[in-house]
N, C-alpha and C. Protein backbone atom coordinates (compact mmCIF):
# COMPACT_ATOMS: atom_id res chain seq x y z
N MET A 1 0.85 -1.16 0.00
CA MET A 1 0.00 0.00 0.00
C MET A 1 0.90 1.24 0.00
N PRO A 2 0.74 2.13 -1.00
CA PRO A 2 1.60 3.31 -1.07
C PRO A 2 1.30 4.28 0.07
N ARG A 3 2.32 4.96 0.47
CA ARG A 3 2.18 5.95 1.54
C ARG A 3 1.62 7.24 0.96
N GLN A 4 0.66 7.83 1.67
CA GLN A 4 0.07 9.10 1.26
C GLN A 4 0.23 10.10 2.39
N VAL A 5 0.51 11.35 2.02
CA VAL A 5 0.67 12.40 3.01
C VAL A 5 -0.38 13.48 2.72
N PHE A 6 -1.16 13.84 3.74
CA PHE A 6 -2.16 14.89 3.63
C PHE A 6 -1.73 16.04 4.53
N ASP A 7 -1.74 17.24 4.00
CA ASP A 7 -1.28 18.41 4.75
C ASP A 7 -2.46 19.22 5.25
N TYR A 8 -2.59 19.31 6.56
CA TYR A 8 -3.59 20.14 7.22
C TYR A 8 -2.83 20.99 8.22
N ASP A 9 -2.77 22.28 7.99
CA ASP A 9 -1.94 23.12 8.84
C ASP A 9 -2.71 24.30 9.40
N PRO A 10 -3.28 24.25 10.53
CA PRO A 10 -3.70 23.09 11.31
C PRO A 10 -5.09 22.64 10.85
N PRO A 11 -5.51 21.44 11.17
CA PRO A 11 -6.87 21.02 10.78
C PRO A 11 -7.92 21.75 11.64
N ASP A 12 -9.10 21.96 11.04
CA ASP A 12 -10.21 22.54 11.81
C ASP A 12 -10.69 21.53 12.85
N ARG A 13 -10.68 20.28 12.48
CA ARG A 13 -11.16 19.23 13.38
C ARG A 13 -10.38 17.95 13.10
N PHE A 14 -10.04 17.24 14.18
CA PHE A 14 -9.33 15.97 14.07
C PHE A 14 -10.02 14.97 14.99
N VAL A 15 -10.36 13.79 14.46
CA VAL A 15 -11.07 12.78 15.23
C VAL A 15 -10.36 11.45 15.08
N ALA A 16 -10.18 10.75 16.18
CA ALA A 16 -9.67 9.37 16.16
C ALA A 16 -10.70 8.53 16.90
N GLY A 17 -11.11 7.42 16.33
CA GLY A 17 -12.13 6.63 17.00
C GLY A 17 -12.33 5.27 16.37
N THR A 18 -13.45 4.65 16.76
CA THR A 18 -13.79 3.32 16.26
C THR A 18 -15.24 3.32 15.79
N VAL A 19 -15.54 2.39 14.89
CA VAL A 19 -16.90 2.18 14.42
C VAL A 19 -17.15 0.68 14.45
N GLY A 20 -18.29 0.29 15.00
CA GLY A 20 -18.66 -1.13 14.98
C GLY A 20 -18.68 -1.74 16.35
N GLU A 21 -19.15 -2.97 16.38
CA GLU A 21 -19.26 -3.75 17.61
C GLU A 21 -17.88 -4.28 18.02
N PRO A 22 -17.66 -4.53 19.32
CA PRO A 22 -16.40 -5.12 19.76
C PRO A 22 -16.14 -6.44 19.02
N GLY A 23 -14.92 -6.60 18.60
CA GLY A 23 -14.53 -7.79 17.85
C GLY A 23 -14.56 -7.59 16.35
N SER A 24 -15.33 -6.61 15.88
CA SER A 24 -15.38 -6.33 14.45
C SER A 24 -15.26 -4.83 14.19
N ARG A 25 -14.58 -4.14 15.08
CA ARG A 25 -14.43 -2.70 14.97
C ARG A 25 -13.41 -2.31 13.92
N THR A 26 -13.63 -1.16 13.33
CA THR A 26 -12.68 -0.54 12.43
C THR A 26 -12.20 0.74 13.09
N PHE A 27 -10.90 0.93 13.12
CA PHE A 27 -10.31 2.11 13.71
C PHE A 27 -10.08 3.14 12.60
N PHE A 28 -10.28 4.40 12.94
CA PHE A 28 -10.14 5.42 11.91
C PHE A 28 -9.56 6.71 12.46
N LEU A 29 -9.02 7.48 11.54
CA LEU A 29 -8.60 8.86 11.79
C LEU A 29 -9.33 9.72 10.77
N GLN A 30 -9.76 10.88 11.18
CA GLN A 30 -10.42 11.79 10.26
C GLN A 30 -9.95 13.21 10.54
N ALA A 31 -9.58 13.92 9.48
CA ALA A 31 -9.16 15.32 9.60
C ALA A 31 -10.00 16.15 8.64
N ARG A 32 -10.35 17.36 9.11
CA ARG A 32 -11.16 18.24 8.27
C ARG A 32 -10.58 19.65 8.34
N SER A 33 -10.51 20.26 7.17
CA SER A 33 -10.08 21.65 7.07
C SER A 33 -10.94 22.28 5.98
N GLY A 34 -11.87 23.15 6.39
CA GLY A 34 -12.80 23.74 5.43
C GLY A 34 -13.70 22.67 4.86
N THR A 35 -13.68 22.52 3.54
CA THR A 35 -14.50 21.49 2.89
C THR A 35 -13.71 20.21 2.63
N GLN A 36 -12.42 20.22 2.89
CA GLN A 36 -11.59 19.04 2.65
C GLN A 36 -11.66 18.11 3.87
N VAL A 37 -12.08 16.85 3.65
CA VAL A 37 -12.17 15.85 4.72
C VAL A 37 -11.42 14.61 4.26
N THR A 38 -10.56 14.09 5.13
CA THR A 38 -9.84 12.87 4.84
C THR A 38 -10.10 11.88 5.97
N SER A 39 -10.57 10.68 5.61
CA SER A 39 -10.80 9.61 6.58
C SER A 39 -9.89 8.45 6.23
N VAL A 40 -9.28 7.85 7.23
CA VAL A 40 -8.37 6.74 7.01
C VAL A 40 -8.77 5.59 7.92
N ALA A 41 -9.07 4.44 7.35
CA ALA A 41 -9.37 3.24 8.13
C ALA A 41 -8.05 2.55 8.42
N LEU A 42 -7.72 2.42 9.69
CA LEU A 42 -6.42 1.88 10.08
C LEU A 42 -6.41 0.36 10.09
N GLU A 43 -7.46 -0.26 10.54
CA GLU A 43 -7.46 -1.70 10.72
C GLU A 43 -7.27 -2.44 9.39
N LYS A 44 -7.91 -1.98 8.35
CA LYS A 44 -7.82 -2.67 7.07
C LYS A 44 -6.39 -2.73 6.55
N ALA A 45 -5.66 -1.65 6.70
CA ALA A 45 -4.27 -1.63 6.26
C ALA A 45 -3.44 -2.59 7.11
N GLN A 46 -3.69 -2.60 8.42
CA GLN A 46 -2.93 -3.49 9.29
C GLN A 46 -3.25 -4.96 9.01
N VAL A 47 -4.51 -5.27 8.77
CA VAL A 47 -4.91 -6.64 8.44
C VAL A 47 -4.26 -7.08 7.14
N ALA A 48 -4.20 -6.20 6.16
CA ALA A 48 -3.56 -6.54 4.89
C ALA A 48 -2.08 -6.84 5.09
N LYS A 49 -1.39 -6.05 5.91
CA LYS A 49 0.03 -6.29 6.19
C LYS A 49 0.22 -7.61 6.92
N LEU A 50 -0.67 -7.89 7.87
CA LEU A 50 -0.58 -9.13 8.64
C LEU A 50 -0.80 -10.35 7.75
N ASN A 51 -1.76 -10.28 6.84
CA ASN A 51 -2.00 -11.38 5.91
C ASN A 51 -0.81 -11.60 4.98
N LYS A 52 -0.20 -10.51 4.55
CA LYS A 52 0.99 -10.62 3.69
C LYS A 52 2.13 -11.29 4.46
N LEU A 53 2.32 -10.89 5.73
CA LEU A 53 3.35 -11.49 6.57
C LEU A 53 3.10 -12.98 6.74
N ARG A 54 1.87 -13.34 7.10
CA ARG A 54 1.54 -14.76 7.32
C ARG A 54 1.72 -15.58 6.06
N GLY A 55 1.49 -15.00 4.91
CA GLY A 55 1.66 -15.72 3.66
C GLY A 55 3.12 -15.91 3.25
N SER A 56 4.00 -15.04 3.75
CA SER A 56 5.40 -15.10 3.32
C SER A 56 6.34 -15.75 4.33
N ARG A 57 5.86 -16.01 5.54
CA ARG A 57 6.74 -16.59 6.57
C ARG A 57 6.77 -18.11 6.48
N ASP A 58 7.75 -18.70 7.14
CA ASP A 58 7.88 -20.15 7.19
C ASP A 58 6.96 -20.68 8.30
N ALA A 59 5.80 -21.21 7.91
CA ALA A 59 4.78 -21.65 8.87
C ALA A 59 5.31 -22.74 9.79
N ALA A 60 6.14 -23.63 9.27
CA ALA A 60 6.69 -24.71 10.10
C ALA A 60 7.61 -24.15 11.19
N ALA A 61 8.39 -23.14 10.84
CA ALA A 61 9.29 -22.52 11.83
C ALA A 61 8.48 -21.80 12.91
N VAL A 62 7.38 -21.15 12.51
CA VAL A 62 6.53 -20.47 13.48
C VAL A 62 5.92 -21.50 14.43
N GLU A 63 5.36 -22.57 13.89
CA GLU A 63 4.75 -23.60 14.73
C GLU A 63 5.77 -24.23 15.68
N ALA A 64 6.98 -24.50 15.18
CA ALA A 64 8.03 -25.08 16.02
C ALA A 64 8.42 -24.13 17.14
N SER A 65 8.54 -22.84 16.83
CA SER A 65 8.93 -21.88 17.86
C SER A 65 7.83 -21.71 18.91
N LEU A 66 6.57 -21.76 18.49
CA LEU A 66 5.46 -21.65 19.44
C LEU A 66 5.36 -22.91 20.30
N LYS A 67 5.68 -24.05 19.71
CA LYS A 67 5.68 -25.31 20.48
C LYS A 67 6.78 -25.28 21.54
N THR A 68 7.94 -24.75 21.18
CA THR A 68 9.04 -24.61 22.14
C THR A 68 8.67 -23.64 23.25
N LEU A 69 8.01 -22.54 22.89
CA LEU A 69 7.56 -21.57 23.88
C LEU A 69 6.56 -22.20 24.84
N ARG A 70 5.64 -23.00 24.31
CA ARG A 70 4.65 -23.67 25.15
C ARG A 70 5.34 -24.62 26.13
N ALA A 71 6.30 -25.40 25.66
CA ALA A 71 7.02 -26.34 26.52
C ALA A 71 7.77 -25.60 27.63
N ALA A 72 8.41 -24.49 27.26
CA ALA A 72 9.15 -23.71 28.26
C ALA A 72 8.20 -23.09 29.28
N SER A 73 7.03 -22.65 28.81
CA SER A 73 6.04 -22.05 29.71
C SER A 73 5.49 -23.10 30.68
N GLU A 74 5.24 -24.29 30.18
CA GLU A 74 4.71 -25.36 31.03
C GLU A 74 5.74 -25.88 32.00
N ASP A 75 7.01 -25.79 31.63
CA ASP A 75 8.11 -26.25 32.47
C ASP A 75 8.15 -25.48 33.78
N GLY A 76 8.00 -24.17 33.70
CA GLY A 76 7.99 -23.33 34.90
C GLY A 76 9.37 -22.99 35.42
N LYS A 77 10.42 -23.57 34.85
CA LYS A 77 11.79 -23.32 35.32
C LYS A 77 12.64 -22.64 34.25
N THR A 78 12.19 -22.71 33.02
CA THR A 78 12.97 -22.22 31.89
C THR A 78 12.76 -20.73 31.68
N ASP A 79 13.83 -20.00 31.37
CA ASP A 79 13.75 -18.59 31.02
C ASP A 79 12.95 -18.48 29.72
N LEU A 80 11.91 -17.67 29.71
CA LEU A 80 11.03 -17.58 28.55
C LEU A 80 11.53 -16.64 27.45
N MET A 81 12.49 -15.77 27.77
CA MET A 81 12.94 -14.81 26.76
C MET A 81 13.55 -15.46 25.52
N PRO A 82 14.44 -16.47 25.65
CA PRO A 82 14.96 -17.08 24.42
C PRO A 82 13.88 -17.68 23.51
N PRO A 83 12.91 -18.45 24.05
CA PRO A 83 11.88 -18.96 23.13
C PRO A 83 10.97 -17.86 22.57
N ILE A 84 10.74 -16.80 23.34
CA ILE A 84 9.94 -15.68 22.82
C ILE A 84 10.68 -15.02 21.66
N LEU A 85 11.98 -14.78 21.86
CA LEU A 85 12.77 -14.15 20.79
C LEU A 85 12.87 -15.05 19.56
N ASP A 86 12.96 -16.36 19.75
CA ASP A 86 12.96 -17.29 18.61
C ASP A 86 11.64 -17.20 17.85
N ALA A 87 10.53 -17.09 18.57
CA ALA A 87 9.22 -16.96 17.92
C ALA A 87 9.14 -15.65 17.15
N VAL A 88 9.67 -14.58 17.72
CA VAL A 88 9.68 -13.29 17.02
C VAL A 88 10.53 -13.37 15.76
N ARG A 89 11.68 -14.01 15.86
CA ARG A 89 12.57 -14.14 14.69
C ARG A 89 11.93 -15.00 13.59
N ALA A 90 11.02 -15.91 13.97
CA ALA A 90 10.30 -16.73 13.00
C ALA A 90 9.08 -16.00 12.45
N TYR A 91 8.86 -14.77 12.91
CA TYR A 91 7.73 -13.93 12.51
C TYR A 91 6.39 -14.41 13.06
N ALA A 92 6.41 -14.99 14.26
CA ALA A 92 5.15 -15.24 14.95
C ALA A 92 4.60 -13.89 15.38
N THR A 93 3.31 -13.73 15.36
CA THR A 93 2.72 -12.44 15.74
C THR A 93 2.65 -12.33 17.26
N LEU A 94 2.49 -11.12 17.73
CA LEU A 94 2.33 -10.89 19.16
C LEU A 94 1.11 -11.64 19.68
N GLY A 95 0.04 -11.65 18.90
CA GLY A 95 -1.17 -12.37 19.29
C GLY A 95 -0.93 -13.86 19.43
N GLU A 96 -0.15 -14.44 18.54
CA GLU A 96 0.15 -15.87 18.61
C GLU A 96 1.01 -16.19 19.83
N ILE A 97 2.01 -15.35 20.09
CA ILE A 97 2.89 -15.56 21.23
C ILE A 97 2.11 -15.42 22.53
N CYS A 98 1.34 -14.35 22.64
CA CYS A 98 0.54 -14.15 23.86
C CYS A 98 -0.53 -15.22 24.01
N GLY A 99 -1.08 -15.70 22.90
CA GLY A 99 -2.08 -16.75 22.95
C GLY A 99 -1.55 -18.03 23.58
N VAL A 100 -0.33 -18.42 23.21
CA VAL A 100 0.30 -19.61 23.79
C VAL A 100 0.48 -19.41 25.30
N MET A 101 0.99 -18.25 25.67
CA MET A 101 1.23 -18.00 27.09
C MET A 101 -0.08 -17.88 27.88
N ARG A 102 -1.09 -17.33 27.24
CA ARG A 102 -2.41 -17.21 27.89
C ARG A 102 -3.00 -18.60 28.14
N GLU A 103 -2.82 -19.51 27.19
CA GLU A 103 -3.33 -20.87 27.35
C GLU A 103 -2.64 -21.58 28.51
N VAL A 104 -1.36 -21.32 28.71
CA VAL A 104 -0.60 -21.98 29.78
C VAL A 104 -0.84 -21.31 31.12
N PHE A 105 -0.72 -19.99 31.18
CA PHE A 105 -0.77 -19.27 32.44
C PHE A 105 -2.15 -18.73 32.80
N GLY A 106 -3.04 -18.65 31.82
CA GLY A 106 -4.34 -18.05 32.06
C GLY A 106 -4.27 -16.55 31.90
N GLU A 107 -5.35 -15.89 32.25
CA GLU A 107 -5.45 -14.45 32.08
C GLU A 107 -5.79 -13.82 33.43
N TYR A 108 -5.09 -12.76 33.76
CA TYR A 108 -5.31 -12.09 35.04
C TYR A 108 -6.68 -11.41 35.04
N ARG A 109 -7.41 -11.64 36.10
CA ARG A 109 -8.69 -10.96 36.31
C ARG A 109 -8.64 -10.28 37.67
N ALA A 110 -8.76 -8.97 37.65
CA ALA A 110 -8.73 -8.21 38.90
C ALA A 110 -9.96 -8.54 39.73
N LEU A 111 -9.79 -8.62 41.02
CA LEU A 111 -10.88 -8.88 41.93
C LEU A 111 -11.73 -7.62 42.06
N ALA A 112 -13.00 -7.75 41.76
CA ALA A 112 -13.90 -6.61 41.87
C ALA A 112 -14.62 -6.68 43.21
N ILE A 113 -14.39 -5.69 44.03
CA ILE A 113 -15.03 -5.63 45.34
C ILE A 113 -16.07 -4.52 45.30
N VAL A 114 -17.30 -4.88 45.59
CA VAL A 114 -18.38 -3.91 45.54
C VAL A 114 -18.88 -3.61 46.93
C-alpha cells in the first residue's frame, strides 16, 4: 500500500475513534479543514500487512517456535525470553505468542469488590 501524506496546517477538526461492535471494529482517523475531509481506516491496512506477513513466513518454523515456547512455559523453570525471541525471529505475531502463554498461564482478572 503506497504511503500518502495529507497536509492540514492546522486542521479545523481531528477525530480518532472506532466504528462497529467489539470484535469487528474498524479504527479510523479523520481530519477536516474547510471542505476538505480525509478519513483513514487503520485496521484494514494493518490486516492486509498481517495477511501478507503470514503468507510469506515459514509456517513450520513459526509452529516449532510456538511449540518450544509452550514447553518452556509449562516447564515453569525455563527462562522464557529465548523462546519468545525465537518466535519473534520466525515472525510469529504478538497475538500468537501471547495466545500460547495465555493458554498456559491463564489471564489475570482483577478482583472486583463492591
